Amino acid sequence: MEVSKQLFLRFRLDINFAADLNFLRSLGVVDYSVLLSVWEIPEELGLDLSKEDVRPCILVPGTSERPWYLLRLGVIDFLVHWDVRKRTENVLKRTCFHPMHSERVTIIDPDGYARRQLDFLESVFRSELRK
């Protein structure tokens, strides 16, 4: 899918989004999700927007075979501080529920959480590129 390929390439260069995740990591925040919103827009609007700075959105130019798209990556959901309660939850889940499969533990430290968000998005777009 051409849109996914272009988005993946732009996403890799999207310093603002990586900076957002690094900011949350530095605050010690976990339990958030990434939302990708995609709007199909008319060619006329796409041409007008191409003359503007649309950050933090990503504008994917259309062709004769497909329309223009406006994309936005954002952080949504709960923002929970990595505190004693979350650390305890992590240890208990690793030792009691998943002692042989610690990768199944969903609550992890802020560094791992931010890295997991980026890795997941990249894997989604990589699989889309293979289609």
Foldseek 3Di string as FASTA:
>chain_A
DVVLVVVLVVVVVLPVVLVVLVVLQVQQWADKAKDKDKDFDALVVLVVCVVDDPPPWDWDPDDPVGTIMIMHIDIDDDIDHCDPVLVVLLVCCCVPPNVPCSVPDPRDTSVVRSVVNVVVSSVVSVVVVVD
